[in-house]
Amino acid sequence: MKLNSKAFAITTGLCLGFGLFLFTWWVIVFDGITNNPTLIGAAYRGYTISPLGSFIGLGYGLIDGFVFGYIFSWVYNRLAN
């Protein structure tokens, strides 16, 4: 069985992007806004635990998830032959 690379990439991007967005708002609700450096912020420039940071994380997550999902499905399809 082969994966549809485009659909898998879009799905992975949406899951990672909105997952990071919702995680950021989860932390904001329980711990408040902070501009302290985070581990995710080390990888995603400009990301902080803030409303603006949640949208920055959403953008990075969409892009990274799409690229990772496409590469993963491409490798999977090559090995599935």
N, C-alpha and C. Protein backbone atom coordinates (compact mmCIF):
# COMPACT_ATOMS: atom_id res chain seq x y z
N MET A 1 0.83 -1.17 0.00
CA MET A 1 0.00 0.00 0.00
C MET A 1 0.88 1.24 0.00
N LYS A 2 0.59 2.18 -0.86
CA LYS A 2 1.35 3.42 -0.93
C LYS A 2 0.59 4.55 -0.26
N LEU A 3 1.35 5.52 0.21
CA LEU A 3 0.77 6.71 0.81
C LEU A 3 0.67 7.81 -0.24
N ASN A 4 -0.37 8.60 -0.16
CA ASN A 4 -0.47 9.80 -0.99
C ASN A 4 0.41 10.85 -0.32
N SER A 5 1.55 11.16 -0.92
CA SER A 5 2.54 12.03 -0.29
C SER A 5 2.00 13.42 0.01
N LYS A 6 1.25 13.98 -0.91
CA LYS A 6 0.72 15.33 -0.72
C LYS A 6 -0.28 15.37 0.43
N ALA A 7 -1.20 14.41 0.47
CA ALA A 7 -2.20 14.37 1.54
C ALA A 7 -1.55 14.11 2.89
N PHE A 8 -0.57 13.21 2.92
CA PHE A 8 0.11 12.89 4.17
C PHE A 8 0.88 14.11 4.67
N ALA A 9 1.53 14.83 3.76
CA ALA A 9 2.29 16.02 4.14
C ALA A 9 1.38 17.11 4.69
N ILE A 10 0.25 17.34 4.05
CA ILE A 10 -0.69 18.36 4.52
C ILE A 10 -1.24 17.98 5.89
N THR A 11 -1.60 16.73 6.07
CA THR A 11 -2.13 16.27 7.35
C THR A 11 -1.10 16.40 8.45
N THR A 12 0.12 16.01 8.18
CA THR A 12 1.19 16.11 9.18
C THR A 12 1.45 17.57 9.53
N GLY A 13 1.48 18.44 8.54
CA GLY A 13 1.68 19.86 8.79
C GLY A 13 0.58 20.47 9.63
N LEU A 14 -0.65 20.13 9.33
CA LEU A 14 -1.78 20.65 10.11
C LEU A 14 -1.74 20.15 11.55
N CYS A 15 -1.43 18.87 11.72
CA CYS A 15 -1.37 18.31 13.08
C CYS A 15 -0.26 18.95 13.90
N LEU A 16 0.92 19.10 13.32
CA LEU A 16 2.03 19.70 14.06
C LEU A 16 1.78 21.18 14.31
N GLY A 17 1.31 21.90 13.31
CA GLY A 17 1.07 23.33 13.46
C GLY A 17 0.00 23.64 14.50
N PHE A 18 -1.16 23.01 14.36
CA PHE A 18 -2.23 23.28 15.31
C PHE A 18 -1.95 22.67 16.68
N GLY A 19 -1.18 21.59 16.71
CA GLY A 19 -0.77 21.01 18.00
C GLY A 19 0.09 21.98 18.77
N LEU A 20 1.06 22.60 18.12
CA LEU A 20 1.91 23.58 18.78
C LEU A 20 1.12 24.83 19.16
N PHE A 21 0.20 25.24 18.30
CA PHE A 21 -0.66 26.39 18.59
C PHE A 21 -1.49 26.13 19.85
N LEU A 22 -2.15 24.97 19.91
CA LEU A 22 -3.00 24.65 21.06
C LEU A 22 -2.16 24.43 22.32
N PHE A 23 -0.99 23.83 22.18
CA PHE A 23 -0.10 23.64 23.33
C PHE A 23 0.30 24.99 23.92
N THR A 24 0.61 25.94 23.07
CA THR A 24 1.00 27.27 23.54
C THR A 24 -0.13 27.92 24.32
N TRP A 25 -1.35 27.83 23.79
CA TRP A 25 -2.48 28.42 24.51
C TRP A 25 -2.79 27.67 25.80
N TRP A 26 -2.55 26.37 25.82
CA TRP A 26 -2.72 25.58 27.04
C TRP A 26 -1.78 26.11 28.14
N VAL A 27 -0.54 26.34 27.77
CA VAL A 27 0.43 26.87 28.74
C VAL A 27 0.06 28.28 29.16
N ILE A 28 -0.40 29.11 28.22
CA ILE A 28 -0.81 30.48 28.55
C ILE A 28 -1.94 30.46 29.57
N VAL A 29 -2.92 29.59 29.39
CA VAL A 29 -4.07 29.54 30.29
C VAL A 29 -3.64 29.16 31.71
N PHE A 30 -2.74 28.20 31.84
CA PHE A 30 -2.39 27.71 33.17
C PHE A 30 -1.19 28.42 33.80
N ASP A 31 -0.24 28.92 33.01
CA ASP A 31 0.96 29.54 33.58
C ASP A 31 1.13 31.00 33.21
N GLY A 32 0.36 31.49 32.27
CA GLY A 32 0.46 32.89 31.88
C GLY A 32 1.48 33.11 30.77
N ILE A 33 1.50 34.33 30.29
CA ILE A 33 2.41 34.71 29.21
C ILE A 33 3.81 34.90 29.77
N THR A 34 4.77 34.36 29.07
CA THR A 34 6.17 34.53 29.47
C THR A 34 7.02 34.68 28.21
N ASN A 35 8.02 35.49 28.32
CA ASN A 35 8.96 35.66 27.20
C ASN A 35 10.28 34.98 27.49
N ASN A 36 10.29 34.08 28.47
CA ASN A 36 11.51 33.33 28.78
C ASN A 36 11.85 32.39 27.64
N PRO A 37 13.13 32.13 27.43
CA PRO A 37 13.51 31.20 26.36
C PRO A 37 12.99 29.79 26.63
N THR A 38 12.57 29.13 25.57
CA THR A 38 12.08 27.76 25.69
C THR A 38 12.88 26.87 24.75
N LEU A 39 12.76 25.58 24.96
CA LEU A 39 13.44 24.64 24.09
C LEU A 39 12.90 24.73 22.66
N ILE A 40 11.60 24.89 22.52
CA ILE A 40 11.01 25.04 21.19
C ILE A 40 11.48 26.35 20.56
N GLY A 41 11.62 27.39 21.37
CA GLY A 41 12.09 28.68 20.88
C GLY A 41 13.51 28.63 20.36
N ALA A 42 14.29 27.67 20.85
CA ALA A 42 15.66 27.52 20.35
C ALA A 42 15.65 27.00 18.91
N ALA A 43 14.66 26.20 18.58
CA ALA A 43 14.55 25.66 17.22
C ALA A 43 13.76 26.59 16.30
N TYR A 44 12.73 27.22 16.86
CA TYR A 44 11.86 28.10 16.07
C TYR A 44 12.11 29.55 16.49
N ARG A 45 12.85 30.26 15.69
CA ARG A 45 13.22 31.64 16.00
C ARG A 45 11.96 32.51 16.14
N GLY A 46 11.86 33.24 17.24
CA GLY A 46 10.73 34.13 17.47
C GLY A 46 9.61 33.51 18.28
N TYR A 47 9.69 32.20 18.54
CA TYR A 47 8.62 31.53 19.28
C TYR A 47 8.78 31.80 20.78
N THR A 48 7.72 32.25 21.41
CA THR A 48 7.65 32.41 22.85
C THR A 48 6.27 31.96 23.31
N ILE A 49 6.11 31.85 24.62
CA ILE A 49 4.80 31.51 25.16
C ILE A 49 4.01 32.81 25.26
N SER A 50 3.39 33.17 24.15
CA SER A 50 2.60 34.40 24.05
C SER A 50 1.62 34.22 22.89
N PRO A 51 0.61 35.10 22.81
CA PRO A 51 -0.31 34.99 21.67
C PRO A 51 0.40 35.11 20.32
N LEU A 52 1.33 36.04 20.19
CA LEU A 52 2.08 36.17 18.93
C LEU A 52 2.93 34.93 18.70
N GLY A 53 3.53 34.42 19.76
CA GLY A 53 4.35 33.21 19.65
C GLY A 53 3.56 32.00 19.20
N SER A 54 2.29 31.94 19.59
CA SER A 54 1.46 30.81 19.16
C SER A 54 1.26 30.82 17.65
N PHE A 55 1.12 31.99 17.06
CA PHE A 55 0.96 32.07 15.61
C PHE A 55 2.28 31.82 14.89
N ILE A 56 3.38 32.24 15.50
CA ILE A 56 4.69 31.94 14.93
C ILE A 56 4.92 30.43 14.95
N GLY A 57 4.57 29.80 16.08
CA GLY A 57 4.69 28.34 16.18
C GLY A 57 3.79 27.62 15.19
N LEU A 58 2.59 28.16 14.97
CA LEU A 58 1.68 27.58 13.99
C LEU A 58 2.31 27.59 12.60
N GLY A 59 2.91 28.70 12.23
CA GLY A 59 3.55 28.78 10.92
C GLY A 59 4.72 27.83 10.77
N TYR A 60 5.58 27.81 11.77
CA TYR A 60 6.72 26.89 11.74
C TYR A 60 6.25 25.43 11.73
N GLY A 61 5.24 25.14 12.53
CA GLY A 61 4.73 23.77 12.58
C GLY A 61 4.14 23.32 11.26
N LEU A 62 3.40 24.22 10.60
CA LEU A 62 2.83 23.88 9.30
C LEU A 62 3.92 23.56 8.29
N ILE A 63 4.95 24.39 8.26
CA ILE A 63 6.03 24.19 7.29
C ILE A 63 6.84 22.94 7.62
N ASP A 64 7.28 22.82 8.87
CA ASP A 64 8.10 21.66 9.26
C ASP A 64 7.32 20.36 9.13
N GLY A 65 6.06 20.38 9.54
CA GLY A 65 5.24 19.17 9.43
C GLY A 65 5.02 18.76 7.98
N PHE A 66 4.81 19.74 7.12
CA PHE A 66 4.62 19.43 5.70
C PHE A 66 5.87 18.80 5.12
N VAL A 67 7.03 19.41 5.39
CA VAL A 67 8.30 18.90 4.85
C VAL A 67 8.58 17.50 5.41
N PHE A 68 8.46 17.33 6.72
CA PHE A 68 8.71 16.03 7.33
C PHE A 68 7.75 14.98 6.80
N GLY A 69 6.47 15.33 6.71
CA GLY A 69 5.47 14.38 6.22
C GLY A 69 5.72 13.96 4.78
N TYR A 70 6.13 14.92 3.95
CA TYR A 70 6.41 14.59 2.56
C TYR A 70 7.62 13.68 2.44
N ILE A 71 8.69 14.01 3.16
CA ILE A 71 9.89 13.18 3.12
C ILE A 71 9.61 11.79 3.66
N PHE A 72 8.88 11.71 4.77
CA PHE A 72 8.55 10.42 5.36
C PHE A 72 7.74 9.55 4.40
N SER A 73 6.71 10.14 3.79
CA SER A 73 5.87 9.36 2.88
C SER A 73 6.64 8.97 1.61
N TRP A 74 7.55 9.83 1.15
CA TRP A 74 8.36 9.49 -0.02
C TRP A 74 9.27 8.31 0.27
N VAL A 75 9.92 8.34 1.43
CA VAL A 75 10.79 7.21 1.83
C VAL A 75 9.96 5.96 2.02
N TYR A 76 8.80 6.08 2.66
CA TYR A 76 7.92 4.93 2.87
C TYR A 76 7.52 4.30 1.53
N ASN A 77 7.12 5.13 0.58
CA ASN A 77 6.70 4.63 -0.72
C ASN A 77 7.86 3.94 -1.46
N ARG A 78 9.06 4.47 -1.31
CA ARG A 78 10.23 3.84 -1.94
C ARG A 78 10.52 2.48 -1.32
N LEU A 79 10.41 2.38 -0.01
CA LEU A 79 10.69 1.12 0.67
C LEU A 79 9.55 0.11 0.52
N ALA A 80 8.35 0.59 0.25
CA ALA A 80 7.19 -0.30 0.14
C ALA A 80 7.20 -1.09 -1.18
N ASN A 81 7.97 -0.64 -2.15
CA ASN A 81 8.02 -1.33 -3.46
C ASN A 81 8.68 -2.67 -3.34
